[in-house]
Amino acid sequence: AMALRFSANLSWLIHLMAGRVPQGVERAAVAGEMEATFIENLRHAADVLAQEDMVGLVEPINSRITDPRYFLNTPHQAAAILEKVGRPNLRLQLDLFHCQIMDGNLSRNLETYLPLIGHIQIAQVPGRHEPDSPGELNFPYIFKLLESLGYTGYVGCEYAPKGDTIEGLGWLRSYWESKGMKPGGPRKATE
C-alpha cells in the first residue's frame, strides 16, 4: 500500500499570494482588475521560477473566517486563473481547511482538481488543530481517497497543535502504524 508523504520543508515550491481586496471596496467592483493583475504577476513569476526549476503555488484562503479580504478564496477561482495563466510550473496549493470552509465537497474537489494540485495542506475544521481532533473532516477517509486517486505529492500540516509538537504528531504515528510502517517515515515495518 502506498503512503502519503508528510513534510514541512519544500524548498522548490513557493506560495505566490494573491493580495487583498482594498479596505472599504466591494469585491465585485475590483474583481476583474485584481484578476488581471494577478494573472500578469503570475505569468512573470512563473517565468522567473522556471529559470530556477521551481514551482509556484496559488492557495485559495477562505474569506469567511481567516481573511475576509483575501482575493483568491475558492479552488474553482484558482483553477480558472491557472488556466488563464497557462504556465506548467504553476500549481494549486489546496488547503483542505480553507476548502471545507468555503465549499465543502472535498471528495469531488480533490477528484476534480487533482491534475492541478502541487501541494496539499491539512487542518481540522473548525478548530484548525490536528487531523484527529474533533471536527468536520474525516481524515482517514481523505488520506485513503488521496491514495486511491494516486496523489504522490506532499501533505503539509498547517495547524495549531493543542500541545507540544511531538504530542501534536501522535495522529501521524497512528497513520503510519495503520500502514504497517515504522514511525518516522514511509518504511515498511519489516525493514
N, C-alpha and C. Protein backbone atom coordinates (compact mmCIF):
# COMPACT_ATOMS: atom_id res chain seq x y z
N ALA A 1 0.84 -1.19 0.00
CA ALA A 1 0.00 0.00 0.00
C ALA A 1 0.88 1.25 0.00
N MET A 2 0.45 2.22 -0.76
CA MET A 2 1.17 3.48 -0.82
C MET A 2 0.85 4.30 0.43
N ALA A 3 1.77 5.13 0.83
CA ALA A 3 1.52 6.03 1.95
C ALA A 3 1.76 7.46 1.51
N LEU A 4 0.98 8.36 2.04
CA LEU A 4 1.17 9.76 1.73
C LEU A 4 2.43 10.26 2.40
N ARG A 5 3.05 11.25 1.78
CA ARG A 5 4.26 11.85 2.35
C ARG A 5 3.87 13.11 3.10
N PHE A 6 4.39 13.26 4.29
CA PHE A 6 4.12 14.45 5.09
C PHE A 6 5.41 15.23 5.22
N SER A 7 5.37 16.53 4.98
CA SER A 7 6.59 17.32 5.01
C SER A 7 6.27 18.76 5.39
N ALA A 8 7.25 19.41 6.01
CA ALA A 8 7.11 20.83 6.34
C ALA A 8 8.11 21.66 5.56
N ASN A 9 9.07 21.06 4.86
CA ASN A 9 10.12 21.80 4.18
C ASN A 9 10.15 21.42 2.70
N LEU A 10 9.62 22.30 1.87
CA LEU A 10 9.59 22.05 0.44
C LEU A 10 10.25 23.24 -0.26
N SER A 11 11.56 23.24 -0.34
CA SER A 11 12.28 24.41 -0.82
C SER A 11 12.06 24.71 -2.30
N TRP A 12 11.61 23.75 -3.09
CA TRP A 12 11.43 24.01 -4.52
C TRP A 12 10.02 24.48 -4.87
N LEU A 13 9.14 24.59 -3.89
CA LEU A 13 7.80 25.13 -4.09
C LEU A 13 7.72 26.49 -3.40
N ILE A 14 7.03 27.42 -4.03
CA ILE A 14 6.87 28.74 -3.41
C ILE A 14 5.43 29.21 -3.57
N HIS A 15 4.88 29.71 -2.47
CA HIS A 15 3.50 30.20 -2.46
C HIS A 15 3.47 31.63 -3.01
N LEU A 16 2.72 31.83 -4.06
CA LEU A 16 2.56 33.16 -4.67
C LEU A 16 1.20 33.71 -4.23
N MET A 17 1.23 34.71 -3.39
CA MET A 17 -0.02 35.21 -2.79
C MET A 17 -0.76 36.14 -3.74
N ALA A 18 -2.09 36.16 -3.56
CA ALA A 18 -2.97 36.87 -4.49
C ALA A 18 -3.23 38.31 -4.10
N GLY A 19 -3.04 38.68 -2.88
CA GLY A 19 -3.36 40.03 -2.44
C GLY A 19 -4.76 40.11 -1.86
N ARG A 20 -5.08 41.32 -1.38
CA ARG A 20 -6.33 41.52 -0.67
C ARG A 20 -7.16 42.62 -1.33
N VAL A 21 -8.46 42.44 -1.27
CA VAL A 21 -9.38 43.47 -1.74
C VAL A 21 -9.17 44.70 -0.85
N PRO A 22 -9.02 45.89 -1.44
CA PRO A 22 -8.79 47.08 -0.62
C PRO A 22 -9.92 47.32 0.40
N GLN A 23 -9.53 47.84 1.55
CA GLN A 23 -10.48 48.15 2.62
C GLN A 23 -11.57 49.09 2.10
N GLY A 24 -12.81 48.78 2.41
CA GLY A 24 -13.92 49.65 2.05
C GLY A 24 -14.38 49.56 0.61
N VAL A 25 -13.82 48.59 -0.14
CA VAL A 25 -14.19 48.43 -1.54
C VAL A 25 -14.92 47.09 -1.69
N GLU A 26 -15.97 47.08 -2.49
CA GLU A 26 -16.70 45.85 -2.74
C GLU A 26 -15.87 44.93 -3.64
N ARG A 27 -15.80 43.66 -3.28
CA ARG A 27 -15.04 42.66 -4.05
C ARG A 27 -15.44 42.69 -5.53
N ALA A 28 -16.73 42.70 -5.80
CA ALA A 28 -17.21 42.64 -7.18
C ALA A 28 -16.73 43.84 -8.01
N ALA A 29 -16.56 44.99 -7.35
CA ALA A 29 -16.17 46.21 -8.07
C ALA A 29 -14.73 46.15 -8.58
N VAL A 30 -13.88 45.35 -7.93
CA VAL A 30 -12.46 45.31 -8.31
C VAL A 30 -12.01 43.92 -8.78
N ALA A 31 -12.93 42.96 -8.81
CA ALA A 31 -12.56 41.57 -9.12
C ALA A 31 -11.88 41.44 -10.47
N GLY A 32 -12.41 42.08 -11.49
CA GLY A 32 -11.82 41.98 -12.83
C GLY A 32 -10.42 42.54 -12.88
N GLU A 33 -10.24 43.72 -12.31
CA GLU A 33 -8.92 44.36 -12.29
C GLU A 33 -7.93 43.55 -11.45
N MET A 34 -8.38 43.04 -10.31
CA MET A 34 -7.50 42.25 -9.45
C MET A 34 -7.09 40.95 -10.14
N GLU A 35 -8.04 40.31 -10.82
CA GLU A 35 -7.71 39.08 -11.52
C GLU A 35 -6.70 39.34 -12.64
N ALA A 36 -6.90 40.39 -13.40
CA ALA A 36 -5.98 40.72 -14.49
C ALA A 36 -4.57 40.98 -13.96
N THR A 37 -4.47 41.71 -12.87
CA THR A 37 -3.17 41.99 -12.26
C THR A 37 -2.53 40.72 -11.74
N PHE A 38 -3.33 39.88 -11.08
CA PHE A 38 -2.81 38.61 -10.54
C PHE A 38 -2.29 37.72 -11.67
N ILE A 39 -3.05 37.63 -12.75
CA ILE A 39 -2.63 36.81 -13.90
C ILE A 39 -1.31 37.32 -14.48
N GLU A 40 -1.21 38.62 -14.65
CA GLU A 40 0.03 39.22 -15.17
C GLU A 40 1.20 38.92 -14.22
N ASN A 41 0.98 39.09 -12.93
CA ASN A 41 2.03 38.82 -11.94
C ASN A 41 2.42 37.35 -11.92
N LEU A 42 1.43 36.47 -12.04
CA LEU A 42 1.72 35.03 -12.03
C LEU A 42 2.54 34.62 -13.26
N ARG A 43 2.22 35.19 -14.41
CA ARG A 43 3.00 34.88 -15.62
C ARG A 43 4.45 35.30 -15.44
N HIS A 44 4.65 36.49 -14.91
CA HIS A 44 6.01 36.97 -14.67
C HIS A 44 6.72 36.06 -13.66
N ALA A 45 6.06 35.76 -12.56
CA ALA A 45 6.66 34.90 -11.53
C ALA A 45 6.98 33.52 -12.08
N ALA A 46 6.08 32.96 -12.88
CA ALA A 46 6.30 31.63 -13.45
C ALA A 46 7.54 31.62 -14.33
N ASP A 47 7.73 32.67 -15.12
CA ASP A 47 8.90 32.74 -16.00
C ASP A 47 10.19 32.82 -15.18
N VAL A 48 10.18 33.61 -14.11
CA VAL A 48 11.35 33.72 -13.23
C VAL A 48 11.61 32.38 -12.54
N LEU A 49 10.57 31.77 -12.01
CA LEU A 49 10.72 30.49 -11.31
C LEU A 49 11.20 29.39 -12.23
N ALA A 50 10.76 29.41 -13.48
CA ALA A 50 11.16 28.38 -14.44
C ALA A 50 12.68 28.37 -14.64
N GLN A 51 13.29 29.53 -14.55
CA GLN A 51 14.75 29.63 -14.70
C GLN A 51 15.48 28.92 -13.56
N GLU A 52 14.80 28.78 -12.43
CA GLU A 52 15.39 28.11 -11.25
C GLU A 52 14.80 26.72 -11.04
N ASP A 53 14.02 26.24 -11.98
CA ASP A 53 13.36 24.95 -11.89
C ASP A 53 12.48 24.85 -10.63
N MET A 54 11.76 25.93 -10.36
CA MET A 54 10.88 26.00 -9.20
C MET A 54 9.42 26.03 -9.64
N VAL A 55 8.55 25.66 -8.72
CA VAL A 55 7.11 25.63 -8.96
C VAL A 55 6.44 26.68 -8.08
N GLY A 56 5.59 27.48 -8.67
CA GLY A 56 4.79 28.44 -7.91
C GLY A 56 3.45 27.84 -7.56
N LEU A 57 2.97 28.13 -6.36
CA LEU A 57 1.69 27.62 -5.88
C LEU A 57 0.75 28.77 -5.59
N VAL A 58 -0.51 28.61 -5.97
CA VAL A 58 -1.53 29.57 -5.56
C VAL A 58 -2.48 28.85 -4.60
N GLU A 59 -2.78 29.51 -3.50
CA GLU A 59 -3.60 28.90 -2.46
C GLU A 59 -4.85 29.71 -2.19
N PRO A 60 -6.01 29.15 -2.46
CA PRO A 60 -7.24 29.81 -2.03
C PRO A 60 -7.32 29.81 -0.50
N ILE A 61 -7.58 30.97 0.08
CA ILE A 61 -7.71 31.12 1.53
C ILE A 61 -9.13 31.58 1.81
N ASN A 62 -9.78 30.93 2.77
CA ASN A 62 -11.20 31.24 2.99
C ASN A 62 -11.41 32.70 3.38
N SER A 63 -12.48 33.26 2.85
CA SER A 63 -12.83 34.64 3.16
C SER A 63 -13.99 34.73 4.16
N ARG A 64 -14.37 33.58 4.72
CA ARG A 64 -15.45 33.58 5.71
C ARG A 64 -14.92 33.76 7.12
N ILE A 65 -13.73 33.23 7.41
CA ILE A 65 -13.18 33.28 8.76
C ILE A 65 -11.78 33.88 8.77
N THR A 66 -10.88 33.29 7.99
CA THR A 66 -9.46 33.62 8.08
C THR A 66 -9.14 35.01 7.57
N ASP A 67 -9.57 35.36 6.37
CA ASP A 67 -9.25 36.67 5.80
C ASP A 67 -10.35 37.10 4.84
N PRO A 68 -11.31 37.88 5.34
CA PRO A 68 -12.45 38.29 4.51
C PRO A 68 -12.06 39.05 3.25
N ARG A 69 -10.86 39.64 3.23
CA ARG A 69 -10.46 40.45 2.08
C ARG A 69 -9.51 39.73 1.13
N TYR A 70 -9.11 38.49 1.43
CA TYR A 70 -8.18 37.80 0.54
C TYR A 70 -8.86 37.54 -0.80
N PHE A 71 -8.18 37.87 -1.89
CA PHE A 71 -8.81 37.81 -3.22
C PHE A 71 -9.11 36.39 -3.69
N LEU A 72 -8.15 35.49 -3.53
CA LEU A 72 -8.30 34.13 -4.06
C LEU A 72 -8.90 33.24 -2.97
N ASN A 73 -10.17 32.87 -3.10
CA ASN A 73 -10.80 32.19 -1.97
C ASN A 73 -11.48 30.85 -2.27
N THR A 74 -11.47 30.38 -3.51
CA THR A 74 -12.03 29.05 -3.79
C THR A 74 -11.13 28.31 -4.78
N PRO A 75 -11.16 26.98 -4.74
CA PRO A 75 -10.38 26.23 -5.72
C PRO A 75 -10.89 26.46 -7.15
N HIS A 76 -12.18 26.73 -7.31
CA HIS A 76 -12.76 26.98 -8.64
C HIS A 76 -12.14 28.24 -9.25
N GLN A 77 -12.06 29.29 -8.43
CA GLN A 77 -11.45 30.55 -8.88
C GLN A 77 -9.98 30.33 -9.22
N ALA A 78 -9.27 29.59 -8.36
CA ALA A 78 -7.85 29.33 -8.59
C ALA A 78 -7.63 28.55 -9.89
N ALA A 79 -8.46 27.53 -10.12
CA ALA A 79 -8.32 26.72 -11.33
C ALA A 79 -8.56 27.56 -12.58
N ALA A 80 -9.54 28.43 -12.54
CA ALA A 80 -9.83 29.29 -13.69
C ALA A 80 -8.66 30.24 -13.96
N ILE A 81 -8.07 30.77 -12.91
CA ILE A 81 -6.93 31.67 -13.06
C ILE A 81 -5.71 30.91 -13.59
N LEU A 82 -5.45 29.72 -13.05
CA LEU A 82 -4.32 28.93 -13.54
C LEU A 82 -4.48 28.59 -15.02
N GLU A 83 -5.70 28.32 -15.43
CA GLU A 83 -5.95 28.03 -16.84
C GLU A 83 -5.64 29.25 -17.70
N LYS A 84 -6.05 30.43 -17.24
CA LYS A 84 -5.78 31.66 -17.99
C LYS A 84 -4.29 31.98 -18.03
N VAL A 85 -3.58 31.69 -16.95
CA VAL A 85 -2.14 31.96 -16.89
C VAL A 85 -1.39 31.03 -17.83
N GLY A 86 -1.77 29.76 -17.85
CA GLY A 86 -1.21 28.81 -18.80
C GLY A 86 0.27 28.51 -18.66
N ARG A 87 0.75 28.37 -17.44
CA ARG A 87 2.16 28.03 -17.21
C ARG A 87 2.23 26.69 -16.48
N PRO A 88 3.01 25.75 -17.00
CA PRO A 88 3.06 24.41 -16.39
C PRO A 88 3.71 24.37 -15.00
N ASN A 89 4.48 25.38 -14.65
CA ASN A 89 5.15 25.38 -13.34
C ASN A 89 4.37 26.18 -12.30
N LEU A 90 3.09 26.41 -12.55
CA LEU A 90 2.19 26.99 -11.54
C LEU A 90 1.15 25.94 -11.20
N ARG A 91 0.94 25.72 -9.91
CA ARG A 91 0.05 24.67 -9.44
C ARG A 91 -0.85 25.20 -8.33
N LEU A 92 -1.82 24.39 -8.00
CA LEU A 92 -2.76 24.69 -6.92
C LEU A 92 -2.25 24.13 -5.60
N GLN A 93 -2.21 24.97 -4.60
CA GLN A 93 -1.95 24.52 -3.23
C GLN A 93 -3.32 24.44 -2.56
N LEU A 94 -3.79 23.22 -2.36
CA LEU A 94 -5.14 23.03 -1.83
C LEU A 94 -5.07 22.77 -0.33
N ASP A 95 -5.47 23.75 0.44
CA ASP A 95 -5.54 23.63 1.89
C ASP A 95 -6.96 23.18 2.21
N LEU A 96 -7.08 21.95 2.71
CA LEU A 96 -8.41 21.38 2.94
C LEU A 96 -9.18 22.14 4.01
N PHE A 97 -8.50 22.80 4.94
CA PHE A 97 -9.16 23.63 5.94
C PHE A 97 -9.95 24.74 5.23
N HIS A 98 -9.27 25.48 4.36
CA HIS A 98 -9.93 26.58 3.65
C HIS A 98 -11.00 26.07 2.69
N CYS A 99 -10.70 24.98 2.01
CA CYS A 99 -11.64 24.41 1.04
C CYS A 99 -12.93 23.97 1.71
N GLN A 100 -12.82 23.34 2.87
CA GLN A 100 -14.01 22.90 3.60
C GLN A 100 -14.86 24.09 4.02
N ILE A 101 -14.23 25.15 4.49
CA ILE A 101 -14.97 26.32 4.96
C ILE A 101 -15.70 27.01 3.81
N MET A 102 -15.07 27.09 2.65
CA MET A 102 -15.67 27.81 1.52
C MET A 102 -16.65 26.97 0.72
N ASP A 103 -16.38 25.66 0.60
CA ASP A 103 -17.16 24.88 -0.37
C ASP A 103 -17.56 23.50 0.11
N GLY A 104 -16.82 22.93 1.08
CA GLY A 104 -17.09 21.53 1.43
C GLY A 104 -16.80 20.66 0.23
N ASN A 105 -17.58 19.60 0.06
CA ASN A 105 -17.48 18.77 -1.13
C ASN A 105 -16.03 18.36 -1.44
N LEU A 106 -15.28 18.00 -0.38
CA LEU A 106 -13.85 17.74 -0.54
C LEU A 106 -13.54 16.60 -1.49
N SER A 107 -14.30 15.52 -1.44
CA SER A 107 -14.03 14.39 -2.33
C SER A 107 -14.09 14.83 -3.79
N ARG A 108 -15.14 15.51 -4.15
CA ARG A 108 -15.31 15.95 -5.55
C ARG A 108 -14.24 16.98 -5.92
N ASN A 109 -13.94 17.90 -5.00
CA ASN A 109 -12.91 18.91 -5.29
C ASN A 109 -11.54 18.26 -5.48
N LEU A 110 -11.21 17.26 -4.66
CA LEU A 110 -9.94 16.57 -4.83
C LEU A 110 -9.89 15.83 -6.16
N GLU A 111 -10.97 15.16 -6.50
CA GLU A 111 -11.03 14.44 -7.78
C GLU A 111 -10.92 15.41 -8.95
N THR A 112 -11.64 16.51 -8.89
CA THR A 112 -11.67 17.48 -9.98
C THR A 112 -10.33 18.18 -10.16
N TYR A 113 -9.73 18.61 -9.07
CA TYR A 113 -8.55 19.46 -9.16
C TYR A 113 -7.23 18.72 -9.00
N LEU A 114 -7.27 17.40 -8.83
CA LEU A 114 -6.04 16.64 -8.66
C LEU A 114 -4.98 16.95 -9.73
N PRO A 115 -5.36 17.06 -11.02
CA PRO A 115 -4.33 17.34 -12.03
C PRO A 115 -3.62 18.69 -11.83
N LEU A 116 -4.24 19.60 -11.11
CA LEU A 116 -3.65 20.93 -10.88
C LEU A 116 -2.90 21.03 -9.56
N ILE A 117 -3.11 20.07 -8.67
CA ILE A 117 -2.59 20.18 -7.30
C ILE A 117 -1.09 19.93 -7.25
N GLY A 118 -0.38 20.88 -6.65
CA GLY A 118 1.05 20.74 -6.44
C GLY A 118 1.39 20.48 -4.99
N HIS A 119 0.45 20.76 -4.09
CA HIS A 119 0.69 20.59 -2.65
C HIS A 119 -0.66 20.61 -1.94
N ILE A 120 -0.77 19.80 -0.89
CA ILE A 120 -1.99 19.78 -0.08
C ILE A 120 -1.61 20.12 1.35
N GLN A 121 -2.45 20.90 2.00
CA GLN A 121 -2.27 21.21 3.42
C GLN A 121 -3.52 20.75 4.17
N ILE A 122 -3.31 20.41 5.44
CA ILE A 122 -4.43 19.91 6.24
C ILE A 122 -4.50 20.58 7.60
N ALA A 123 -5.71 20.63 8.12
CA ALA A 123 -6.03 21.04 9.49
C ALA A 123 -7.50 20.70 9.69
N GLN A 124 -7.85 20.34 10.90
CA GLN A 124 -9.24 20.02 11.22
C GLN A 124 -10.07 21.30 11.22
N VAL A 125 -11.32 21.18 10.83
CA VAL A 125 -12.29 22.29 10.83
C VAL A 125 -13.30 22.03 11.94
N PRO A 126 -13.63 22.98 12.79
CA PRO A 126 -13.31 24.40 12.70
C PRO A 126 -12.09 24.84 13.51
N GLY A 127 -11.54 24.00 14.38
CA GLY A 127 -10.53 24.47 15.32
C GLY A 127 -9.14 24.70 14.78
N ARG A 128 -8.85 24.24 13.56
CA ARG A 128 -7.54 24.32 12.92
C ARG A 128 -6.45 23.65 13.77
N HIS A 129 -6.84 22.46 14.30
CA HIS A 129 -5.91 21.66 15.09
C HIS A 129 -5.56 20.38 14.32
N GLU A 130 -4.98 19.41 15.04
CA GLU A 130 -4.57 18.14 14.47
C GLU A 130 -5.72 17.45 13.74
N PRO A 131 -5.37 16.65 12.73
CA PRO A 131 -6.41 15.93 11.98
C PRO A 131 -7.26 14.99 12.84
N ASP A 132 -6.72 14.50 13.95
CA ASP A 132 -7.52 13.59 14.79
C ASP A 132 -8.26 14.32 15.91
N SER A 133 -8.25 15.66 15.88
CA SER A 133 -9.03 16.42 16.86
C SER A 133 -10.49 16.45 16.41
N PRO A 134 -11.41 16.74 17.34
CA PRO A 134 -12.83 16.76 16.96
C PRO A 134 -13.10 17.81 15.87
N GLY A 135 -13.90 17.42 14.89
CA GLY A 135 -14.22 18.37 13.84
C GLY A 135 -14.96 17.75 12.69
N GLU A 136 -15.08 18.49 11.62
CA GLU A 136 -15.90 18.12 10.48
C GLU A 136 -15.24 17.13 9.53
N LEU A 137 -13.92 17.08 9.49
CA LEU A 137 -13.23 16.32 8.46
C LEU A 137 -12.85 14.91 8.92
N ASN A 138 -13.07 13.96 8.02
CA ASN A 138 -12.75 12.55 8.26
C ASN A 138 -11.42 12.28 7.54
N PHE A 139 -10.31 12.52 8.26
CA PHE A 139 -9.01 12.41 7.61
C PHE A 139 -8.62 10.99 7.20
N PRO A 140 -8.96 9.94 7.96
CA PRO A 140 -8.66 8.61 7.42
C PRO A 140 -9.29 8.39 6.04
N TYR A 141 -10.52 8.84 5.86
CA TYR A 141 -11.19 8.74 4.56
C TYR A 141 -10.45 9.59 3.51
N ILE A 142 -10.11 10.82 3.88
CA ILE A 142 -9.43 11.72 2.94
C ILE A 142 -8.07 11.15 2.52
N PHE A 143 -7.29 10.62 3.48
CA PHE A 143 -5.99 10.05 3.13
C PHE A 143 -6.15 8.86 2.20
N LYS A 144 -7.14 8.02 2.48
CA LYS A 144 -7.40 6.86 1.62
C LYS A 144 -7.81 7.32 0.22
N LEU A 145 -8.64 8.36 0.15
CA LEU A 145 -9.05 8.91 -1.13
C LEU A 145 -7.84 9.43 -1.91
N LEU A 146 -6.97 10.18 -1.25
CA LEU A 146 -5.77 10.70 -1.92
C LEU A 146 -4.92 9.56 -2.47
N GLU A 147 -4.77 8.50 -1.68
CA GLU A 147 -4.01 7.34 -2.15
C GLU A 147 -4.69 6.70 -3.36
N SER A 148 -6.02 6.54 -3.30
CA SER A 148 -6.74 5.89 -4.40
C SER A 148 -6.70 6.74 -5.67
N LEU A 149 -6.60 8.06 -5.51
CA LEU A 149 -6.52 8.95 -6.66
C LEU A 149 -5.10 9.00 -7.24
N GLY A 150 -4.15 8.41 -6.51
CA GLY A 150 -2.77 8.39 -7.00
C GLY A 150 -1.99 9.65 -6.67
N TYR A 151 -2.43 10.40 -5.68
CA TYR A 151 -1.70 11.61 -5.29
C TYR A 151 -0.33 11.21 -4.76
N THR A 152 0.72 11.78 -5.34
CA THR A 152 2.09 11.43 -4.93
C THR A 152 2.83 12.60 -4.32
N GLY A 153 2.15 13.72 -4.15
CA GLY A 153 2.80 14.90 -3.57
C GLY A 153 2.85 14.83 -2.06
N TYR A 154 3.24 15.94 -1.49
CA TYR A 154 3.35 16.05 -0.04
C TYR A 154 2.04 16.56 0.56
N VAL A 155 1.85 16.26 1.83
CA VAL A 155 0.74 16.79 2.62
C VAL A 155 1.37 17.59 3.74
N GLY A 156 1.16 18.89 3.71
CA GLY A 156 1.71 19.77 4.73
C GLY A 156 0.73 19.92 5.88
N CYS A 157 1.27 19.99 7.07
CA CYS A 157 0.45 20.13 8.28
C CYS A 157 0.47 21.59 8.71
N GLU A 158 -0.62 22.30 8.45
CA GLU A 158 -0.70 23.70 8.81
C GLU A 158 -1.82 23.87 9.83
N TYR A 159 -1.47 23.55 11.07
CA TYR A 159 -2.45 23.65 12.14
C TYR A 159 -1.77 24.09 13.42
N ALA A 160 -2.59 24.51 14.37
CA ALA A 160 -2.10 24.92 15.69
C ALA A 160 -2.20 23.71 16.61
N PRO A 161 -1.05 23.11 16.98
CA PRO A 161 -1.10 21.94 17.87
C PRO A 161 -1.74 22.31 19.21
N LYS A 162 -2.52 21.38 19.74
CA LYS A 162 -3.13 21.62 21.04
C LYS A 162 -2.10 21.54 22.16
N GLY A 163 -1.04 20.73 21.94
CA GLY A 163 0.03 20.59 22.93
C GLY A 163 1.35 20.91 22.28
N ASP A 164 2.40 20.16 22.65
CA ASP A 164 3.69 20.39 22.02
C ASP A 164 3.74 19.68 20.66
N THR A 165 4.83 19.89 19.95
CA THR A 165 4.93 19.37 18.58
C THR A 165 4.88 17.85 18.53
N ILE A 166 5.64 17.19 19.37
CA ILE A 166 5.67 15.72 19.36
C ILE A 166 4.30 15.16 19.67
N GLU A 167 3.67 15.69 20.70
CA GLU A 167 2.32 15.26 21.06
C GLU A 167 1.35 15.53 19.90
N GLY A 168 1.55 16.67 19.23
CA GLY A 168 0.69 17.05 18.12
C GLY A 168 0.84 16.19 16.88
N LEU A 169 1.88 15.35 16.84
CA LEU A 169 2.07 14.45 15.71
C LEU A 169 1.68 13.01 16.02
N GLY A 170 1.02 12.78 17.15
CA GLY A 170 0.57 11.44 17.52
C GLY A 170 -0.34 10.83 16.47
N TRP A 171 -1.16 11.62 15.84
CA TRP A 171 -2.05 11.13 14.79
C TRP A 171 -1.25 10.56 13.63
N LEU A 172 -0.07 11.14 13.35
CA LEU A 172 0.76 10.68 12.24
C LEU A 172 1.36 9.31 12.55
N ARG A 173 1.77 9.12 13.81
CA ARG A 173 2.27 7.81 14.24
C ARG A 173 1.19 6.75 14.02
N SER A 174 -0.03 7.06 14.40
CA SER A 174 -1.14 6.12 14.22
C SER A 174 -1.37 5.83 12.74
N TYR A 175 -1.28 6.86 11.90
CA TYR A 175 -1.46 6.67 10.45
C TYR A 175 -0.39 5.73 9.91
N TRP A 176 0.87 5.99 10.25
CA TRP A 176 1.96 5.14 9.77
C TRP A 176 1.78 3.70 10.24
N GLU A 177 1.42 3.54 11.51
CA GLU A 177 1.23 2.19 12.05
C GLU A 177 0.10 1.47 11.32
N SER A 178 -0.95 2.20 10.96
CA SER A 178 -2.06 1.58 10.24
C SER A 178 -1.63 1.12 8.84
N LYS A 179 -0.53 1.68 8.34
CA LYS A 179 0.00 1.31 7.03
C LYS A 179 1.15 0.30 7.15
N GLY A 180 1.40 -0.17 8.38
CA GLY A 180 2.47 -1.14 8.59
C GLY A 180 3.86 -0.54 8.49
N MET A 181 3.98 0.73 8.86
CA MET A 181 5.28 1.40 8.77
C MET A 181 5.78 1.78 10.15
N LYS A 182 7.08 1.97 10.21
CA LYS A 182 7.68 2.48 11.44
C LYS A 182 7.43 3.97 11.53
N PRO A 183 7.24 4.48 12.75
CA PRO A 183 7.14 5.94 12.90
C PRO A 183 8.43 6.58 12.37
N GLY A 184 8.28 7.72 11.73
CA GLY A 184 9.44 8.41 11.20
C GLY A 184 9.49 8.43 9.70
N GLY A 185 8.58 7.74 9.05
CA GLY A 185 8.58 7.83 7.60
C GLY A 185 8.02 6.59 6.93
N PRO A 186 7.87 6.69 5.62
CA PRO A 186 7.26 5.60 4.86
C PRO A 186 8.22 4.45 4.59
N ARG A 187 8.56 3.71 5.64
CA ARG A 187 9.36 2.49 5.51
C ARG A 187 8.52 1.35 5.98
N LYS A 188 8.71 0.19 5.42
CA LYS A 188 7.97 -0.99 5.87
C LYS A 188 8.42 -1.39 7.26
N ALA A 189 7.51 -1.87 8.07
CA ALA A 189 7.83 -2.25 9.44
C ALA A 189 8.85 -3.37 9.48
N THR A 190 8.99 -4.12 8.41
CA THR A 190 9.93 -5.25 8.39
C THR A 190 11.36 -4.80 8.09
N GLU A 191 11.56 -3.55 7.70
CA GLU A 191 12.89 -3.05 7.37
C GLU A 191 13.72 -2.82 8.62
